């Protein structure tokens, strides 16, 4: 599962496949949206685009279906 918090909306792709979009105006929260995804064992590419109307913020968590964080993952992040 991918848990997303965003100020405001977002679009999410995992390994090139579109997963979810929320076109909303809201404050940042944790796991405001939860998206079921299938991850590869070795490497995954997640693209998160924030749809923003003012100051921004976001959070992203990888968990199992019971909201337990994945223990065996490394994250490399690039902001553009």
PDB file of N, CA and C in Angstrom:
ATOM      1  N   UNK A   1       0.846  -1.176   0.000  1.00  0.00           N
ATOM      2  CA  UNK A   1       0.000   0.000   0.000  1.00  0.00           C
ATOM      3  C   UNK A   1       0.890   1.237   0.000  1.00  0.00           C
ATOM      4  N   UNK A   2       0.403   2.262  -0.640  1.00  0.00           N
ATOM      5  CA  UNK A   2       1.058   3.559  -0.586  1.00  0.00           C
ATOM      6  C   UNK A   2       0.118   4.501   0.156  1.00  0.00           C
ATOM      7  N   UNK A   3       0.606   5.078   1.226  1.00  0.00           N
ATOM      8  CA  UNK A   3      -0.152   6.088   1.958  1.00  0.00           C
ATOM      9  C   UNK A   3       0.354   7.456   1.549  1.00  0.00           C
ATOM     10  N   UNK A   4      -0.563   8.328   1.145  1.00  0.00           N
ATOM     11  CA  UNK A   4      -0.178   9.644   0.645  1.00  0.00           C
ATOM     12  C   UNK A   4      -0.892  10.728   1.434  1.00  0.00           C
ATOM     13  N   UNK A   5      -0.136  11.738   1.795  1.00  0.00           N
ATOM     14  CA  UNK A   5      -0.697  12.976   2.320  1.00  0.00           C
ATOM     15  C   UNK A   5      -0.258  14.090   1.386  1.00  0.00           C
ATOM     16  N   UNK A   6      -1.145  15.008   1.085  1.00  0.00           N
ATOM     17  CA  UNK A   6      -0.766  16.077   0.157  1.00  0.00           C
ATOM     18  C   UNK A   6      -1.522  17.360   0.465  1.00  0.00           C
ATOM     19  N   UNK A   7      -0.845  18.463   0.252  1.00  0.00           N
ATOM     20  CA  UNK A   7      -1.430  19.795   0.349  1.00  0.00           C
ATOM     21  C   UNK A   7      -1.216  20.419  -1.019  1.00  0.00           C
ATOM     22  N   UNK A   8      -2.050  20.309  -1.828  1.00  0.00           N
ATOM     23  CA  UNK A   8      -3.439  20.030  -2.087  1.00  0.00           C
ATOM     24  C   UNK A   8      -3.575  18.627  -2.705  1.00  0.00           C
ATOM     25  N   UNK A   9      -3.984  18.538  -3.962  1.00  0.00           N
ATOM     26  CA  UNK A   9      -4.194  17.246  -4.591  1.00  0.00           C
ATOM     27  C   UNK A   9      -2.907  16.615  -5.111  1.00  0.00           C
ATOM     28  N   UNK A  10      -3.051  15.451  -5.781  1.00  0.00           N
ATOM     29  CA  UNK A  10      -1.879  14.740  -6.294  1.00  0.00           C
ATOM     30  C   UNK A  10      -2.259  13.827  -7.442  1.00  0.00           C
ATOM     31  N   UNK A  11      -1.234  13.369  -8.151  1.00  0.00           N
ATOM     32  CA  UNK A  11      -1.320  12.276  -9.120  1.00  0.00           C
ATOM     33  C   UNK A  11      -0.196  11.312  -8.772  1.00  0.00           C
ATOM     34  N   UNK A  12      -0.470  10.000  -8.840  1.00  0.00           N
ATOM     35  CA  UNK A  12       0.530   8.987  -8.493  1.00  0.00           C
ATOM     36  C   UNK A  12       0.635   7.939  -9.588  1.00  0.00           C
ATOM     37  N   UNK A  13       1.888   7.643  -9.976  1.00  0.00           N
ATOM     38  CA  UNK A  13       2.204   6.542 -10.882  1.00  0.00           C
ATOM     39  C   UNK A  13       3.181   5.616 -10.174  1.00  0.00           C
ATOM     40  N   UNK A  14       3.043   4.320 -10.379  1.00  0.00           N
ATOM     41  CA  UNK A  14       3.989   3.335  -9.851  1.00  0.00           C
ATOM     42  C   UNK A  14       4.446   2.475 -11.018  1.00  0.00           C
ATOM     43  N   UNK A  15       5.755   2.469 -11.250  1.00  0.00           N
ATOM     44  CA  UNK A  15       6.350   1.706 -12.351  1.00  0.00           C
ATOM     45  C   UNK A  15       5.680   2.008 -13.693  1.00  0.00           C
ATOM     46  N   UNK A  16       5.408   3.292 -13.919  1.00  0.00           N
ATOM     47  CA  UNK A  16       4.837   3.738 -15.182  1.00  0.00           C
ATOM     48  C   UNK A  16       3.338   3.583 -15.312  1.00  0.00           C
ATOM     49  N   UNK A  17       2.675   3.017 -14.315  1.00  0.00           N
ATOM     50  CA  UNK A  17       1.224   2.815 -14.372  1.00  0.00           C
ATOM     51  C   UNK A  17       0.525   3.825 -13.467  1.00  0.00           C
ATOM     52  N   UNK A  18      -0.479   4.495 -14.037  1.00  0.00           N
ATOM     53  CA  UNK A  18      -1.252   5.463 -13.266  1.00  0.00           C
ATOM     54  C   UNK A  18      -2.004   4.747 -12.148  1.00  0.00           C
ATOM     55  N   UNK A  19      -1.942   5.294 -10.932  1.00  0.00           N
ATOM     56  CA  UNK A  19      -2.564   4.658  -9.767  1.00  0.00           C
ATOM     57  C   UNK A  19      -3.746   5.459  -9.239  1.00  0.00           C
ATOM     58  N   UNK A  20      -3.555   6.758  -9.003  1.00  0.00           N
ATOM     59  CA  UNK A  20      -4.630   7.540  -8.378  1.00  0.00           C
ATOM     60  C   UNK A  20      -4.421   9.021  -8.628  1.00  0.00           C
ATOM     61  N   UNK A  21      -5.524   9.750  -8.509  1.00  0.00           N
ATOM     62  CA  UNK A  21      -5.505  11.207  -8.624  1.00  0.00           C
ATOM     63  C   UNK A  21      -6.549  11.759  -7.674  1.00  0.00           C
ATOM     64  N   UNK A  22      -6.187  12.797  -6.966  1.00  0.00           N
ATOM     65  CA  UNK A  22      -7.125  13.528  -6.122  1.00  0.00           C
ATOM     66  C   UNK A  22      -6.998  14.998  -6.487  1.00  0.00           C
ATOM     67  N   UNK A  23      -8.053  15.573  -7.007  1.00  0.00           N
ATOM     68  CA  UNK A  23      -8.054  16.985  -7.376  1.00  0.00           C
ATOM     69  C   UNK A  23      -8.819  17.734  -6.292  1.00  0.00           C
ATOM     70  N   UNK A  24      -8.125  18.036  -5.188  1.00  0.00           N
ATOM     71  CA  UNK A  24      -8.760  18.613  -4.005  1.00  0.00           C
ATOM     72  C   UNK A  24      -7.936  19.784  -3.475  1.00  0.00           C
ATOM     73  N   UNK A  25      -8.574  20.577  -2.628  1.00  0.00           N
ATOM     74  CA  UNK A  25      -7.888  21.620  -1.871  1.00  0.00           C
ATOM     75  C   UNK A  25      -7.962  21.206  -0.413  1.00  0.00           C
ATOM     76  N   UNK A  26      -6.813  20.975   0.213  1.00  0.00           N
ATOM     77  CA  UNK A  26      -6.801  20.505   1.595  1.00  0.00           C
ATOM     78  C   UNK A  26      -5.449  20.772   2.235  1.00  0.00           C
ATOM     79  N   UNK A  27      -5.418  20.626   3.545  1.00  0.00           N
ATOM     80  CA  UNK A  27      -4.173  20.728   4.302  1.00  0.00           C
ATOM     81  C   UNK A  27      -3.463  19.386   4.284  1.00  0.00           C
ATOM     82  N   UNK A  28      -2.179  19.415   4.597  1.00  0.00           N
ATOM     83  CA  UNK A  28      -1.382  18.196   4.633  1.00  0.00           C
ATOM     84  C   UNK A  28      -1.811  17.292   5.778  1.00  0.00           C
ATOM     85  N   UNK A  29      -1.952  16.017   5.499  1.00  0.00           N
ATOM     86  CA  UNK A  29      -2.221  14.989   6.501  1.00  0.00           C
ATOM     87  C   UNK A  29      -1.391  13.766   6.165  1.00  0.00           C
ATOM     88  N   UNK A  30      -1.344  12.810   7.058  1.00  0.00           N
ATOM     89  CA  UNK A  30      -0.602  11.566   6.833  1.00  0.00           C
ATOM     90  C   UNK A  30      -1.587  10.479   6.418  1.00  0.00           C
ATOM     91  N   UNK A  31      -1.278   9.772   5.352  1.00  0.00           N
ATOM     92  CA  UNK A  31      -2.128   8.687   4.842  1.00  0.00           C
ATOM     93  C   UNK A  31      -3.561   9.140   4.571  1.00  0.00           C
ATOM     94  N   UNK A  32      -3.727  10.367   4.095  1.00  0.00           N
ATOM     95  CA  UNK A  32      -5.060  10.857   3.750  1.00  0.00           C
ATOM     96  C   UNK A  32      -5.677   9.973   2.674  1.00  0.00           C
ATOM     97  N   UNK A  33      -4.856   9.498   1.760  1.00  0.00           N
ATOM     98  CA  UNK A  33      -5.278   8.535   0.744  1.00  0.00           C
ATOM     99  C   UNK A  33      -4.393   7.311   0.836  1.00  0.00           C
ATOM    100  N   UNK A  34      -4.993   6.137   0.654  1.00  0.00           N
ATOM    101  CA  UNK A  34      -4.238   4.880   0.644  1.00  0.00           C
ATOM    102  C   UNK A  34      -4.540   4.175  -0.669  1.00  0.00           C
ATOM    103  N   UNK A  35      -3.482   3.803  -1.364  1.00  0.00           N
ATOM    104  CA  UNK A  35      -3.618   3.201  -2.688  1.00  0.00           C
ATOM    105  C   UNK A  35      -2.994   1.813  -2.694  1.00  0.00           C
ATOM    106  N   UNK A  36      -3.760   0.787  -3.045  1.00  0.00           N
ATOM    107  CA  UNK A  36      -3.160  -0.540  -3.176  1.00  0.00           C
ATOM    108  C   UNK A  36      -2.296  -0.592  -4.435  1.00  0.00           C
ATOM    109  N   UNK A  37      -1.078  -1.068  -4.293  1.00  0.00           N
ATOM    110  CA  UNK A  37      -0.163  -1.180  -5.427  1.00  0.00           C
ATOM    111  C   UNK A  37       0.567  -2.513  -5.351  1.00  0.00           C
ATOM    112  N   UNK A  38       1.016  -2.992  -6.514  1.00  0.00           N
ATOM    113  CA  UNK A  38       1.851  -4.187  -6.563  1.00  0.00           C
ATOM    114  C   UNK A  38       3.270  -3.723  -6.836  1.00  0.00           C
ATOM    115  N   UNK A  39       4.171  -4.016  -5.904  1.00  0.00           N
ATOM    116  CA  UNK A  39       5.561  -3.599  -6.042  1.00  0.00           C
ATOM    117  C   UNK A  39       6.427  -4.754  -6.517  1.00  0.00           C
ATOM    118  N   UNK A  40       7.434  -4.444  -7.324  1.00  0.00           N
ATOM    119  CA  UNK A  40       8.424  -5.431  -7.732  1.00  0.00           C
ATOM    120  C   UNK A  40       9.329  -5.754  -6.549  1.00  0.00           C
ATOM    121  N   UNK A  41       9.989  -6.911  -6.587  1.00  0.00           N
ATOM    122  CA  UNK A  41      10.874  -7.302  -5.487  1.00  0.00           C
ATOM    123  C   UNK A  41      12.149  -6.477  -5.434  1.00  0.00           C
ATOM    124  N   UNK A  42      12.662  -6.050  -6.576  1.00  0.00           N
ATOM    125  CA  UNK A  42      13.976  -5.405  -6.594  1.00  0.00           C
ATOM    126  C   UNK A  42      13.878  -3.883  -6.628  1.00  0.00           C
ATOM    127  N   UNK A  43      13.268  -3.330  -7.638  1.00  0.00           N
ATOM    128  CA  UNK A  43      13.266  -1.875  -7.810  1.00  0.00           C
ATOM    129  C   UNK A  43      11.904  -1.407  -8.305  1.00  0.00           C
ATOM    130  N   UNK A  44      11.470  -0.262  -7.775  1.00  0.00           N
ATOM    131  CA  UNK A  44      10.200   0.337  -8.161  1.00  0.00           C
ATOM    132  C   UNK A  44      10.398   1.830  -8.361  1.00  0.00           C
ATOM    133  N   UNK A  45       9.669   2.377  -9.311  1.00  0.00           N
ATOM    134  CA  UNK A  45       9.713   3.810  -9.560  1.00  0.00           C
ATOM    135  C   UNK A  45       8.351   4.395  -9.215  1.00  0.00           C
ATOM    136  N   UNK A  46       8.338   5.317  -8.258  1.00  0.00           N
ATOM    137  CA  UNK A  46       7.116   6.011  -7.882  1.00  0.00           C
ATOM    138  C   UNK A  46       7.246   7.462  -8.302  1.00  0.00           C
ATOM    139  N   UNK A  47       6.239   7.966  -8.997  1.00  0.00           N
ATOM    140  CA  UNK A  47       6.204   9.363  -9.394  1.00  0.00           C
ATOM    141  C   UNK A  47       4.985   9.991  -8.741  1.00  0.00           C
ATOM    142  N   UNK A  48       5.214  11.008  -7.927  1.00  0.00           N
ATOM    143  CA  UNK A  48       4.148  11.725  -7.232  1.00  0.00           C
ATOM    144  C   UNK A  48       4.194  13.177  -7.672  1.00  0.00           C
ATOM    145  N   UNK A  49       3.114  13.642  -8.278  1.00  0.00           N
ATOM    146  CA  UNK A  49       3.013  15.042  -8.680  1.00  0.00           C
ATOM    147  C   UNK A  49       1.964  15.705  -7.800  1.00  0.00           C
ATOM    148  N   UNK A  50       2.346  16.815  -7.187  1.00  0.00           N
ATOM    149  CA  UNK A  50       1.438  17.545  -6.318  1.00  0.00           C
ATOM    150  C   UNK A  50       0.714  18.610  -7.139  1.00  0.00           C
ATOM    151  N   UNK A  51      -0.613  18.658  -7.010  1.00  0.00           N
ATOM    152  CA  UNK A  51      -1.438  19.671  -7.669  1.00  0.00           C
ATOM    153  C   UNK A  51      -1.628  20.787  -6.651  1.00  0.00           C
ATOM    154  N   UNK A  52      -0.991  21.914  -6.871  1.00  0.00           N
ATOM    155  CA  UNK A  52      -0.841  22.894  -5.807  1.00  0.00           C
ATOM    156  C   UNK A  52      -1.422  24.255  -6.147  1.00  0.00           C
ATOM    157  N   UNK A  53      -2.075  24.868  -5.142  1.00  0.00           N
ATOM    158  CA  UNK A  53      -2.622  26.207  -5.298  1.00  0.00           C
ATOM    159  C   UNK A  53      -1.982  27.219  -4.365  1.00  0.00           C
ATOM    160  N   UNK A  54      -1.008  26.821  -3.566  1.00  0.00           N
ATOM    161  CA  UNK A  54      -0.352  27.712  -2.601  1.00  0.00           C
ATOM    162  C   UNK A  54       0.839  26.997  -2.004  1.00  0.00           C
ATOM    163  N   UNK A  55       1.142  27.225  -0.714  1.00  0.00           N
ATOM    164  CA  UNK A  55       2.236  26.499  -0.062  1.00  0.00           C
ATOM    165  C   UNK A  55       2.021  24.988  -0.166  1.00  0.00           C
ATOM    166  N   UNK A  56       3.105  24.241  -0.284  1.00  0.00           N
ATOM    167  CA  UNK A  56       2.982  22.806  -0.543  1.00  0.00           C
ATOM    168  C   UNK A  56       3.553  21.958   0.584  1.00  0.00           C
ATOM    169  N   UNK A  57       3.153  20.725   0.597  1.00  0.00           N
ATOM    170  CA  UNK A  57       3.701  19.724   1.497  1.00  0.00           C
ATOM    171  C   UNK A  57       3.172  18.368   1.077  1.00  0.00           C
ATOM    172  N   UNK A  58       3.917  17.318   1.387  1.00  0.00           N
ATOM    173  CA  UNK A  58       3.459  15.975   1.039  1.00  0.00           C
ATOM    174  C   UNK A  58       4.131  14.947   1.930  1.00  0.00           C
ATOM    175  N   UNK A  59       3.511  13.774   2.016  1.00  0.00           N
ATOM    176  CA  UNK A  59       4.097  12.626   2.714  1.00  0.00           C
ATOM    177  C   UNK A  59       3.751  11.375   1.928  1.00  0.00           C
ATOM    178  N   UNK A  60       4.617  10.381   2.013  1.00  0.00           N
ATOM    179  CA  UNK A  60       4.391   9.118   1.319  1.00  0.00           C
ATOM    180  C   UNK A  60       4.949   8.001   2.184  1.00  0.00           C
ATOM    181  N   UNK A  61       4.133   6.957   2.415  1.00  0.00           N
ATOM    182  CA  UNK A  61       4.573   5.800   3.202  1.00  0.00           C
ATOM    183  C   UNK A  61       4.261   4.527   2.440  1.00  0.00           C
ATOM    184  N   UNK A  62       5.178   3.574   2.490  1.00  0.00           N
ATOM    185  CA  UNK A  62       4.958   2.241   1.931  1.00  0.00           C
ATOM    186  C   UNK A  62       4.669   1.308   3.094  1.00  0.00           C
ATOM    187  N   UNK A  63       3.513   0.659   3.057  1.00  0.00           N
ATOM    188  CA  UNK A  63       3.096  -0.219   4.150  1.00  0.00           C
ATOM    189  C   UNK A  63       2.491  -1.501   3.596  1.00  0.00           C
ATOM    190  N   UNK A  64       2.277  -2.456   4.506  1.00  0.00           N
ATOM    191  CA  UNK A  64       1.483  -3.615   4.121  1.00  0.00           C
ATOM    192  C   UNK A  64       0.006  -3.252   4.303  1.00  0.00           C
ATOM    193  N   UNK A  65      -0.891  -4.194   4.090  1.00  0.00           N
ATOM    194  CA  UNK A  65      -2.322  -3.900   4.165  1.00  0.00           C
ATOM    195  C   UNK A  65      -2.795  -3.572   5.579  1.00  0.00           C
ATOM    196  N   UNK A  66      -1.980  -3.894   6.588  1.00  0.00           N
ATOM    197  CA  UNK A  66      -2.337  -3.581   7.978  1.00  0.00           C
ATOM    198  C   UNK A  66      -1.681  -2.289   8.462  1.00  0.00           C
ATOM    199  N   UNK A  67      -1.136  -1.510   7.523  1.00  0.00           N
ATOM    200  CA  UNK A  67      -0.480  -0.226   7.793  1.00  0.00           C
ATOM    201  C   UNK A  67       0.843  -0.350   8.540  1.00  0.00           C
ATOM    202  N   UNK A  68       1.461  -1.519   8.469  1.00  0.00           N
ATOM    203  CA  UNK A  68       2.790  -1.710   9.053  1.00  0.00           C
ATOM    204  C   UNK A  68       3.818  -1.292   7.999  1.00  0.00           C
ATOM    205  N   UNK A  69       4.709  -0.340   8.320  1.00  0.00           N
ATOM    206  CA  UNK A  69       5.696   0.115   7.337  1.00  0.00           C
ATOM    207  C   UNK A  69       6.568  -1.028   6.823  1.00  0.00           C
ATOM    208  N   UNK A  70       6.884  -0.991   5.524  1.00  0.00           N
ATOM    209  CA  UNK A  70       7.775  -1.990   4.940  1.00  0.00           C
ATOM    210  C   UNK A  70       9.169  -1.798   5.512  1.00  0.00           C
ATOM    211  N   UNK A  71       9.804  -2.883   5.910  1.00  0.00           N
ATOM    212  CA  UNK A  71      11.109  -2.802   6.563  1.00  0.00           C
ATOM    213  C   UNK A  71      12.271  -2.945   5.596  1.00  0.00           C
ATOM    214  N   UNK A  72      12.031  -3.521   4.454  1.00  0.00           N
ATOM    215  CA  UNK A  72      13.138  -3.835   3.548  1.00  0.00           C
ATOM    216  C   UNK A  72      13.119  -2.959   2.306  1.00  0.00           C
ATOM    217  N   UNK A  73      13.029  -1.653   2.497  1.00  0.00           N
ATOM    218  CA  UNK A  73      13.067  -0.787   1.319  1.00  0.00           C
ATOM    219  C   UNK A  73      14.016   0.380   1.554  1.00  0.00           C
ATOM    220  N   UNK A  74      14.628   0.818   0.471  1.00  0.00           N
ATOM    221  CA  UNK A  74      15.472   2.008   0.467  1.00  0.00           C
ATOM    222  C   UNK A  74      14.815   3.015  -0.453  1.00  0.00           C
ATOM    223  N   UNK A  75      14.968   4.269  -0.125  1.00  0.00           N
ATOM    224  CA  UNK A  75      14.322   5.318  -0.907  1.00  0.00           C
ATOM    225  C   UNK A  75      15.366   6.299  -1.423  1.00  0.00           C
ATOM    226  N   UNK A  76      15.316   6.568  -2.709  1.00  0.00           N
ATOM    227  CA  UNK A  76      16.096   7.629  -3.326  1.00  0.00           C
ATOM    228  C   UNK A  76      15.086   8.633  -3.852  1.00  0.00           C
ATOM    229  N   UNK A  77      15.299   9.898  -3.563  1.00  0.00           N
ATOM    230  CA  UNK A  77      14.319  10.906  -3.920  1.00  0.00           C
ATOM    231  C   UNK A  77      14.953  12.002  -4.762  1.00  0.00           C
ATOM    232  N   UNK A  78      14.201  12.433  -5.763  1.00  0.00           N
ATOM    233  CA  UNK A  78      14.626  13.545  -6.604  1.00  0.00           C
ATOM    234  C   UNK A  78      13.457  14.509  -6.722  1.00  0.00           C
ATOM    235  N   UNK A  79      13.683  15.771  -6.392  1.00  0.00           N
ATOM    236  CA  UNK A  79      12.653  16.794  -6.542  1.00  0.00           C
ATOM    237  C   UNK A  79      12.984  17.642  -7.747  1.00  0.00           C
ATOM    238  N   UNK A  80      12.006  17.810  -8.618  1.00  0.00           N
ATOM    239  CA  UNK A  80      12.226  18.646  -9.808  1.00  0.00           C
ATOM    240  C   UNK A  80      11.115  19.629  -9.944  1.00  0.00           C
TER     241      UNK A  80
END
